[in-house]
Amino acid sequence: MTTEPLLRRLAAEFLGSAFLATIVVGSGIAATSLSADGGIQLLINAAATALGLGVLIAILRPVSGAHFNPLVSIADTVLGRRGIADVAGYCAAQVVGCVAGAILANVMFDAPAVSWGTTDRVTAGHLLGEVVATAGLVLVIFGLARAGRTTWIPLAVGAYIGSAYFFTSSTSFANPAITVGRMFSDTFAGISPASAWPFVIAQLAGAAIGILVTRVLFPVSKAD
């Protein structure tokens, strides 16, 4: 657990979340300009997200833990690694960062700074996909952390998210902050506000399952 001052940790969470949203939205916009094939577009978006997320975690983890996701912050608290007082600040920084990052991506590609997403993504299969994606993400992060193998987290999380773009029906949002951020871009990576809230509920359910499975499989933490 990092011992950096709270303000520095919040700044790192904001910056990391903003870059993550910029990567997700920006690579989605770029993908549609590079290919008309939906599979190629998804591959570009997934590869950029997987690589960029791994780099961001590696850089900012020593400062804030590199959560970039309210559910990771909540799980960190439930599993006894962080105080409850940090959670609200972390979540706020992550959501604001993701919104800022989505707006930045829009502007970089000469799109309107804010254009509400119109892509309706809610189906039973997509919501189940979000449960699976989020449960797996929590297990990857905290399974490694509790096993004392934290150096693997940047690579493992990036690889998991990249693969989950393809093996989940929802393309693995797995993050309420990025879900909110993607509402602000009517592009390849966007999501309609009406779809965002069911996604967040599914993500919460997935996080709860991930925490439970982590406790069962890794009952004793070997982390420092």
C-alpha atoms as a PDB file:
ATOM      1  CA  MET A   1       0.000   0.000   0.000  1.00  0.00           C
ATOM      2  CA  THR A   2       1.344   3.410  -0.960  1.00  0.00           C
ATOM      3  CA  THR A   3       1.961   6.011   1.758  1.00  0.00           C
ATOM      4  CA  GLU A   4       1.962   9.073  -0.505  1.00  0.00           C
ATOM      5  CA  PRO A   5      -0.090  12.100   0.656  1.00  0.00           C
ATOM      6  CA  LEU A   6      -3.771  11.887  -0.259  1.00  0.00           C
ATOM      7  CA  LEU A   7      -3.680  14.895  -2.600  1.00  0.00           C
ATOM      8  CA  ARG A   8      -0.846  13.339  -4.604  1.00  0.00           C
ATOM      9  CA  ARG A   9      -2.716  10.039  -4.790  1.00  0.00           C
ATOM     10  CA  LEU A  10      -5.883  11.753  -5.979  1.00  0.00           C
ATOM     11  CA  ALA A  11      -3.913  13.613  -8.640  1.00  0.00           C
ATOM     12  CA  ALA A  12      -2.461  10.302  -9.849  1.00  0.00           C
ATOM     13  CA  GLU A  13      -5.925   8.710  -9.962  1.00  0.00           C
ATOM     14  CA  PHE A  14      -7.314  11.659 -11.909  1.00  0.00           C
ATOM     15  CA  LEU A  15      -4.414  11.659 -14.367  1.00  0.00           C
ATOM     16  CA  GLY A  16      -4.432   7.893 -14.867  1.00  0.00           C
ATOM     17  CA  SER A  17      -8.200   7.789 -15.339  1.00  0.00           C
ATOM     18  CA  ALA A  18      -8.061  10.685 -17.799  1.00  0.00           C
ATOM     19  CA  PHE A  19      -5.360   8.994 -19.855  1.00  0.00           C
ATOM     20  CA  LEU A  20      -7.257   5.702 -19.758  1.00  0.00           C
ATOM     21  CA  ALA A  21     -10.419   7.324 -21.126  1.00  0.00           C
ATOM     22  CA  THR A  22      -8.395   9.182 -23.752  1.00  0.00           C
ATOM     23  CA  ILE A  23      -6.854   5.883 -24.850  1.00  0.00           C
ATOM     24  CA  VAL A  24     -10.185   4.049 -24.968  1.00  0.00           C
ATOM     25  CA  VAL A  25     -12.135   6.770 -26.769  1.00  0.00           C
ATOM     26  CA  GLY A  26      -9.277   8.062 -28.917  1.00  0.00           C
ATOM     27  CA  SER A  27      -8.275   4.641 -30.191  1.00  0.00           C
ATOM     28  CA  GLY A  28     -11.917   3.916 -30.957  1.00  0.00           C
ATOM     29  CA  ILE A  29     -12.180   7.076 -33.050  1.00  0.00           C
ATOM     30  CA  ALA A  30      -8.895   6.313 -34.785  1.00  0.00           C
ATOM     31  CA  ALA A  31     -10.003   2.744 -35.478  1.00  0.00           C
ATOM     32  CA  THR A  32     -13.085   3.871 -37.391  1.00  0.00           C
ATOM     33  CA  SER A  33     -10.938   6.125 -39.584  1.00  0.00           C
ATOM     34  CA  LEU A  34      -8.431   3.348 -40.309  1.00  0.00           C
ATOM     35  CA  SER A  35     -10.801   0.518 -41.182  1.00  0.00           C
ATOM     36  CA  ALA A  36     -14.437  -0.076 -42.056  1.00  0.00           C
ATOM     37  CA  ASP A  37     -14.234  -3.624 -40.692  1.00  0.00           C
ATOM     38  CA  GLY A  38     -15.817  -3.933 -37.253  1.00  0.00           C
ATOM     39  CA  GLY A  39     -13.454  -6.697 -36.172  1.00  0.00           C
ATOM     40  CA  ILE A  40     -10.381  -4.666 -37.089  1.00  0.00           C
ATOM     41  CA  GLN A  41     -11.826  -1.654 -35.298  1.00  0.00           C
ATOM     42  CA  LEU A  42     -12.334  -3.682 -32.128  1.00  0.00           C
ATOM     43  CA  LEU A  43      -8.835  -5.153 -32.397  1.00  0.00           C
ATOM     44  CA  ILE A  44      -7.281  -1.679 -32.635  1.00  0.00           C
ATOM     45  CA  ASN A  45      -9.346  -0.439 -29.705  1.00  0.00           C
ATOM     46  CA  ALA A  46      -8.527  -3.500 -27.578  1.00  0.00           C
ATOM     47  CA  ALA A  47      -4.789  -3.475 -28.332  1.00  0.00           C
ATOM     48  CA  ALA A  48      -4.421   0.224 -27.555  1.00  0.00           C
ATOM     49  CA  THR A  49      -6.395  -0.129 -24.319  1.00  0.00           C
ATOM     50  CA  ALA A  50      -4.508  -3.220 -23.137  1.00  0.00           C
ATOM     51  CA  LEU A  51      -1.083  -1.727 -23.789  1.00  0.00           C
ATOM     52  CA  GLY A  52      -1.943   1.735 -22.502  1.00  0.00           C
ATOM     53  CA  LEU A  53      -3.578   0.449 -19.321  1.00  0.00           C
ATOM     54  CA  GLY A  54      -0.577  -1.713 -18.493  1.00  0.00           C
ATOM     55  CA  VAL A  55       1.769   1.243 -18.910  1.00  0.00           C
ATOM     56  CA  LEU A  56      -0.405   3.532 -16.778  1.00  0.00           C
ATOM     57  CA  ILE A  57      -0.555   0.986 -13.963  1.00  0.00           C
ATOM     58  CA  ALA A  58       3.204   0.462 -14.058  1.00  0.00           C
ATOM     59  CA  ILE A  59       3.881   4.203 -13.868  1.00  0.00           C
ATOM     60  CA  LEU A  60       1.297   5.301 -11.298  1.00  0.00           C
ATOM     61  CA  ARG A  61       0.956   2.265  -9.052  1.00  0.00           C
ATOM     62  CA  PRO A  62       3.743   3.434  -6.694  1.00  0.00           C
ATOM     63  CA  VAL A  63       1.873   6.733  -6.203  1.00  0.00           C
ATOM     64  CA  SER A  64      -1.796   5.801  -5.779  1.00  0.00           C
ATOM     65  CA  GLY A  65      -2.112   2.071  -6.371  1.00  0.00           C
ATOM     66  CA  ALA A  66      -3.293   2.844  -9.930  1.00  0.00           C
ATOM     67  CA  HIS A  67      -6.919   1.872  -9.444  1.00  0.00           C
ATOM     68  CA  PHE A  68      -8.548   4.078 -12.132  1.00  0.00           C
ATOM     69  CA  ASN A  69     -11.784   2.290 -11.243  1.00  0.00           C
ATOM     70  CA  PRO A  70     -14.194   2.885  -8.333  1.00  0.00           C
ATOM     71  CA  LEU A  71     -14.818  -0.834  -7.965  1.00  0.00           C
ATOM     72  CA  VAL A  72     -11.119  -1.532  -7.531  1.00  0.00           C
ATOM     73  CA  SER A  73     -11.008   1.145  -4.820  1.00  0.00           C
ATOM     74  CA  ILE A  74     -14.047  -0.362  -3.103  1.00  0.00           C
ATOM     75  CA  ALA A  75     -12.605  -3.875  -3.337  1.00  0.00           C
ATOM     76  CA  ASP A  76      -9.320  -2.597  -1.934  1.00  0.00           C
ATOM     77  CA  THR A  77     -11.215  -1.304   1.089  1.00  0.00           C
ATOM     78  CA  VAL A  78     -13.350  -4.422   1.553  1.00  0.00           C
ATOM     79  CA  LEU A  79     -10.276  -6.634   1.383  1.00  0.00           C
ATOM     80  CA  GLY A  80      -8.648  -4.540   4.086  1.00  0.00           C
ATOM     81  CA  ARG A  81      -5.949  -2.668   2.216  1.00  0.00           C
ATOM     82  CA  ARG A  82      -7.219   0.914   2.316  1.00  0.00           C
ATOM     83  CA  GLY A  83      -9.251   3.109   4.651  1.00  0.00           C
ATOM     84  CA  ILE A  84     -12.844   4.001   3.848  1.00  0.00           C
ATOM     85  CA  ALA A  85     -12.000   7.711   3.935  1.00  0.00           C
ATOM     86  CA  ASP A  86      -9.966   7.371   0.744  1.00  0.00           C
ATOM     87  CA  VAL A  87     -12.708   5.737  -1.293  1.00  0.00           C
ATOM     88  CA  ALA A  88     -14.896   8.793  -1.922  1.00  0.00           C
ATOM     89  CA  GLY A  89     -11.937  10.879  -3.045  1.00  0.00           C
ATOM     90  CA  TYR A  90     -10.603   8.119  -5.274  1.00  0.00           C
ATOM     91  CA  CYS A  91     -14.005   7.547  -6.890  1.00  0.00           C
ATOM     92  CA  ALA A  92     -14.547  11.250  -7.542  1.00  0.00           C
ATOM     93  CA  ALA A  93     -11.086  11.646  -9.065  1.00  0.00           C
ATOM     94  CA  GLN A  94     -11.633   8.603 -11.284  1.00  0.00           C
ATOM     95  CA  VAL A  95     -15.030   9.694 -12.602  1.00  0.00           C
ATOM     96  CA  VAL A  96     -13.945  13.287 -13.250  1.00  0.00           C
ATOM     97  CA  GLY A  97     -10.752  12.028 -14.865  1.00  0.00           C
ATOM     98  CA  CYS A  98     -12.592   9.691 -17.210  1.00  0.00           C
ATOM     99  CA  VAL A  99     -15.005  12.436 -18.276  1.00  0.00           C
ATOM    100  CA  ALA A 100     -12.087  14.797 -18.906  1.00  0.00           C
ATOM    101  CA  GLY A 101     -10.241  12.137 -20.871  1.00  0.00           C
ATOM    102  CA  ALA A 102     -13.222  11.392 -23.102  1.00  0.00           C
ATOM    103  CA  ILE A 103     -13.653  15.101 -23.828  1.00  0.00           C
ATOM    104  CA  LEU A 104      -9.932  15.412 -24.611  1.00  0.00           C
ATOM    105  CA  ALA A 105     -10.150  12.514 -27.076  1.00  0.00           C
ATOM    106  CA  ASN A 106     -13.154  14.114 -28.792  1.00  0.00           C
ATOM    107  CA  VAL A 107     -11.313  17.413 -29.196  1.00  0.00           C
ATOM    108  CA  MET A 108      -8.101  15.767 -30.445  1.00  0.00           C
ATOM    109  CA  PHE A 109     -10.030  14.156 -33.285  1.00  0.00           C
ATOM    110  CA  ASP A 110     -11.949  17.352 -34.150  1.00  0.00           C
ATOM    111  CA  ALA A 111     -15.241  16.020 -32.821  1.00  0.00           C
ATOM    112  CA  PRO A 112     -17.534  18.104 -30.601  1.00  0.00           C
ATOM    113  CA  ALA A 113     -16.069  18.329 -27.105  1.00  0.00           C
ATOM    114  CA  VAL A 114     -19.214  16.731 -25.668  1.00  0.00           C
ATOM    115  CA  SER A 115     -21.569  14.596 -27.708  1.00  0.00           C
ATOM    116  CA  TRP A 116     -23.774  12.218 -25.750  1.00  0.00           C
ATOM    117  CA  GLY A 117     -23.338   8.591 -26.704  1.00  0.00           C
ATOM    118  CA  THR A 118     -26.210   7.076 -28.642  1.00  0.00           C
ATOM    119  CA  THR A 119     -25.081   3.439 -28.755  1.00  0.00           C
ATOM    120  CA  ASP A 120     -27.607   1.264 -26.940  1.00  0.00           C
ATOM    121  CA  ARG A 121     -25.694  -1.659 -25.416  1.00  0.00           C
ATOM    122  CA  VAL A 122     -28.199  -3.149 -22.989  1.00  0.00           C
ATOM    123  CA  THR A 123     -29.165  -6.759 -23.568  1.00  0.00           C
ATOM    124  CA  ALA A 124     -29.270  -9.615 -21.081  1.00  0.00           C
ATOM    125  CA  GLY A 125     -26.121 -11.020 -22.654  1.00  0.00           C
ATOM    126  CA  HIS A 126     -24.247  -7.729 -22.456  1.00  0.00           C
ATOM    127  CA  LEU A 127     -25.126  -7.266 -18.795  1.00  0.00           C
ATOM    128  CA  LEU A 128     -23.989 -10.806 -18.009  1.00  0.00           C
ATOM    129  CA  GLY A 129     -20.804 -10.006 -19.907  1.00  0.00           C
ATOM    130  CA  GLU A 130     -20.196  -7.040 -17.613  1.00  0.00           C
ATOM    131  CA  VAL A 131     -20.687  -9.222 -14.535  1.00  0.00           C
ATOM    132  CA  VAL A 132     -18.132 -11.705 -15.868  1.00  0.00           C
ATOM    133  CA  ALA A 133     -15.671  -9.038 -16.989  1.00  0.00           C
ATOM    134  CA  THR A 134     -15.736  -7.181 -13.674  1.00  0.00           C
ATOM    135  CA  ALA A 135     -15.558 -10.292 -11.507  1.00  0.00           C
ATOM    136  CA  GLY A 136     -12.548 -11.456 -13.463  1.00  0.00           C
ATOM    137  CA  LEU A 137     -10.819  -8.090 -13.220  1.00  0.00           C
ATOM    138  CA  VAL A 138     -11.203  -7.980  -9.432  1.00  0.00           C
ATOM    139  CA  LEU A 139      -9.907 -11.537  -9.144  1.00  0.00           C
ATOM    140  CA  VAL A 140      -6.886 -10.816 -11.334  1.00  0.00           C
ATOM    141  CA  ILE A 141      -5.881  -7.720  -9.365  1.00  0.00           C
ATOM    142  CA  PHE A 142      -6.499  -8.923  -5.837  1.00  0.00           C
ATOM    143  CA  GLY A 143      -5.587 -12.535  -6.422  1.00  0.00           C
ATOM    144  CA  LEU A 144      -2.131 -11.392  -7.496  1.00  0.00           C
ATOM    145  CA  ALA A 145      -1.943  -8.821  -4.700  1.00  0.00           C
ATOM    146  CA  ARG A 146      -2.908 -11.305  -1.985  1.00  0.00           C
ATOM    147  CA  ALA A 147      -0.508 -13.886  -3.430  1.00  0.00           C
ATOM    148  CA  GLY A 148       2.344 -11.379  -3.115  1.00  0.00           C
ATOM    149  CA  ARG A 149       2.868 -11.214  -6.885  1.00  0.00           C
ATOM    150  CA  THR A 150       2.183  -7.522  -7.362  1.00  0.00           C
ATOM    151  CA  THR A 151       4.875  -7.018 -10.022  1.00  0.00           C
ATOM    152  CA  TRP A 152       2.663  -9.003 -12.398  1.00  0.00           C
ATOM    153  CA  ILE A 153      -0.343  -6.715 -12.003  1.00  0.00           C
ATOM    154  CA  PRO A 154       0.367  -4.211 -14.838  1.00  0.00           C
ATOM    155  CA  LEU A 155       0.955  -6.981 -17.391  1.00  0.00           C
ATOM    156  CA  ALA A 156      -1.856  -9.212 -16.130  1.00  0.00           C
ATOM    157  CA  VAL A 157      -4.489  -6.475 -15.999  1.00  0.00           C
ATOM    158  CA  GLY A 158      -3.603  -5.183 -19.456  1.00  0.00           C
ATOM    159  CA  ALA A 159      -3.681  -8.716 -20.879  1.00  0.00           C
ATOM    160  CA  TYR A 160      -6.974  -9.534 -19.153  1.00  0.00           C
ATOM    161  CA  ILE A 161      -8.748  -6.402 -20.365  1.00  0.00           C
ATOM    162  CA  GLY A 162      -7.406  -6.859 -23.883  1.00  0.00           C
ATOM    163  CA  SER A 163      -8.689 -10.420 -24.040  1.00  0.00           C
ATOM    164  CA  ALA A 164     -11.987  -9.509 -22.363  1.00  0.00           C
ATOM    165  CA  TYR A 165     -12.738  -7.117 -25.231  1.00  0.00           C
ATOM    166  CA  PHE A 166     -13.257 -10.296 -27.246  1.00  0.00           C
ATOM    167  CA  PHE A 167     -14.430 -13.011 -24.864  1.00  0.00           C
ATOM    168  CA  THR A 168     -17.187 -10.947 -23.217  1.00  0.00           C
ATOM    169  CA  SER A 169     -20.319  -9.900 -25.064  1.00  0.00           C
ATOM    170  CA  SER A 170     -20.107  -6.363 -23.650  1.00  0.00           C
ATOM    171  CA  THR A 171     -16.478  -5.734 -24.742  1.00  0.00           C
ATOM    172  CA  SER A 172     -15.576  -5.404 -21.054  1.00  0.00           C
ATOM    173  CA  PHE A 173     -16.215  -1.918 -19.749  1.00  0.00           C
ATOM    174  CA  ALA A 174     -15.762  -3.347 -16.212  1.00  0.00           C
ATOM    175  CA  ASN A 175     -15.431   0.135 -14.706  1.00  0.00           C
ATOM    176  CA  PRO A 176     -18.169   2.612 -13.678  1.00  0.00           C
ATOM    177  CA  ALA A 177     -15.869   5.618 -14.183  1.00  0.00           C
ATOM    178  CA  ILE A 178     -14.977   4.696 -17.744  1.00  0.00           C
ATOM    179  CA  THR A 179     -18.630   3.871 -18.385  1.00  0.00           C
ATOM    180  CA  VAL A 180     -19.616   7.386 -17.333  1.00  0.00           C
ATOM    181  CA  GLY A 181     -16.778   8.889 -19.369  1.00  0.00           C
ATOM    182  CA  ARG A 182     -17.834   7.009 -22.490  1.00  0.00           C
ATOM    183  CA  MET A 183     -21.290   8.578 -22.214  1.00  0.00           C
ATOM    184  CA  PHE A 184     -19.669  11.855 -23.298  1.00  0.00           C
ATOM    185  CA  SER A 185     -18.562  10.611 -26.729  1.00  0.00           C
ATOM    186  CA  ASP A 186     -20.877   9.550 -29.540  1.00  0.00           C
ATOM    187  CA  THR A 187     -18.163   7.478 -31.197  1.00  0.00           C
ATOM    188  CA  PHE A 188     -17.101   3.835 -31.572  1.00  0.00           C
ATOM    189  CA  ALA A 189     -16.416   3.534 -27.822  1.00  0.00           C
ATOM    190  CA  GLY A 190     -19.460   5.501 -26.699  1.00  0.00           C
ATOM    191  CA  ILE A 191     -22.459   4.334 -24.726  1.00  0.00           C
ATOM    192  CA  SER A 192     -25.873   5.915 -24.320  1.00  0.00           C
ATOM    193  CA  PRO A 193     -26.749   7.286 -20.872  1.00  0.00           C
ATOM    194  CA  ALA A 194     -29.734   4.925 -20.785  1.00  0.00           C
ATOM    195  CA  SER A 195     -27.378   1.962 -21.194  1.00  0.00           C
ATOM    196  CA  ALA A 196     -24.722   3.224 -18.801  1.00  0.00           C
ATOM    197  CA  TRP A 197     -26.636   2.754 -15.550  1.00  0.00           C
ATOM    198  CA  PRO A 198     -27.596  -0.895 -16.138  1.00  0.00           C
ATOM    199  CA  PHE A 199     -23.933  -1.481 -16.992  1.00  0.00           C
ATOM    200  CA  VAL A 200     -22.860   0.053 -13.683  1.00  0.00           C
ATOM    201  CA  ILE A 201     -25.296  -2.150 -11.761  1.00  0.00           C
ATOM    202  CA  ALA A 202     -23.939  -5.232 -13.544  1.00  0.00           C
ATOM    203  CA  GLN A 203     -20.387  -4.099 -12.732  1.00  0.00           C
ATOM    204  CA  LEU A 204     -21.258  -3.749  -9.049  1.00  0.00           C
ATOM    205  CA  ALA A 205     -22.629  -7.299  -9.056  1.00  0.00           C
ATOM    206  CA  GLY A 206     -19.501  -8.549 -10.778  1.00  0.00           C
ATOM    207  CA  ALA A 207     -17.241  -6.805  -8.279  1.00  0.00           C
ATOM    208  CA  ALA A 208     -19.104  -8.415  -5.382  1.00  0.00           C
ATOM    209  CA  ILE A 209     -18.613 -11.839  -6.963  1.00  0.00           C
ATOM    210  CA  GLY A 210     -14.940 -11.079  -7.611  1.00  0.00           C
ATOM    211  CA  ILE A 211     -14.379 -10.065  -3.985  1.00  0.00           C
ATOM    212  CA  LEU A 212     -16.081 -13.232  -2.729  1.00  0.00           C
ATOM    213  CA  VAL A 213     -14.064 -15.491  -5.025  1.00  0.00           C
ATOM    214  CA  THR A 214     -10.847 -13.709  -4.046  1.00  0.00           C
ATOM    215  CA  ARG A 215     -11.578 -14.273  -0.360  1.00  0.00           C
ATOM    216  CA  VAL A 216     -12.272 -17.959  -0.966  1.00  0.00           C
ATOM    217  CA  LEU A 217      -9.211 -18.619  -3.109  1.00  0.00           C
ATOM    218  CA  PHE A 218      -6.809 -16.294  -1.283  1.00  0.00           C
ATOM    219  CA  PRO A 219      -7.983 -16.201   2.349  1.00  0.00           C
ATOM    220  CA  VAL A 220      -4.606 -15.006   3.651  1.00  0.00           C
ATOM    221  CA  SER A 221      -2.747 -12.124   2.072  1.00  0.00           C
ATOM    222  CA  LYS A 222       0.972 -12.636   1.453  1.00  0.00           C
ATOM    223  CA  ALA A 223       1.414  -9.023   0.357  1.00  0.00           C
ATOM    224  CA  ASP A 224       3.788  -6.723   2.219  1.00  0.00           C
END
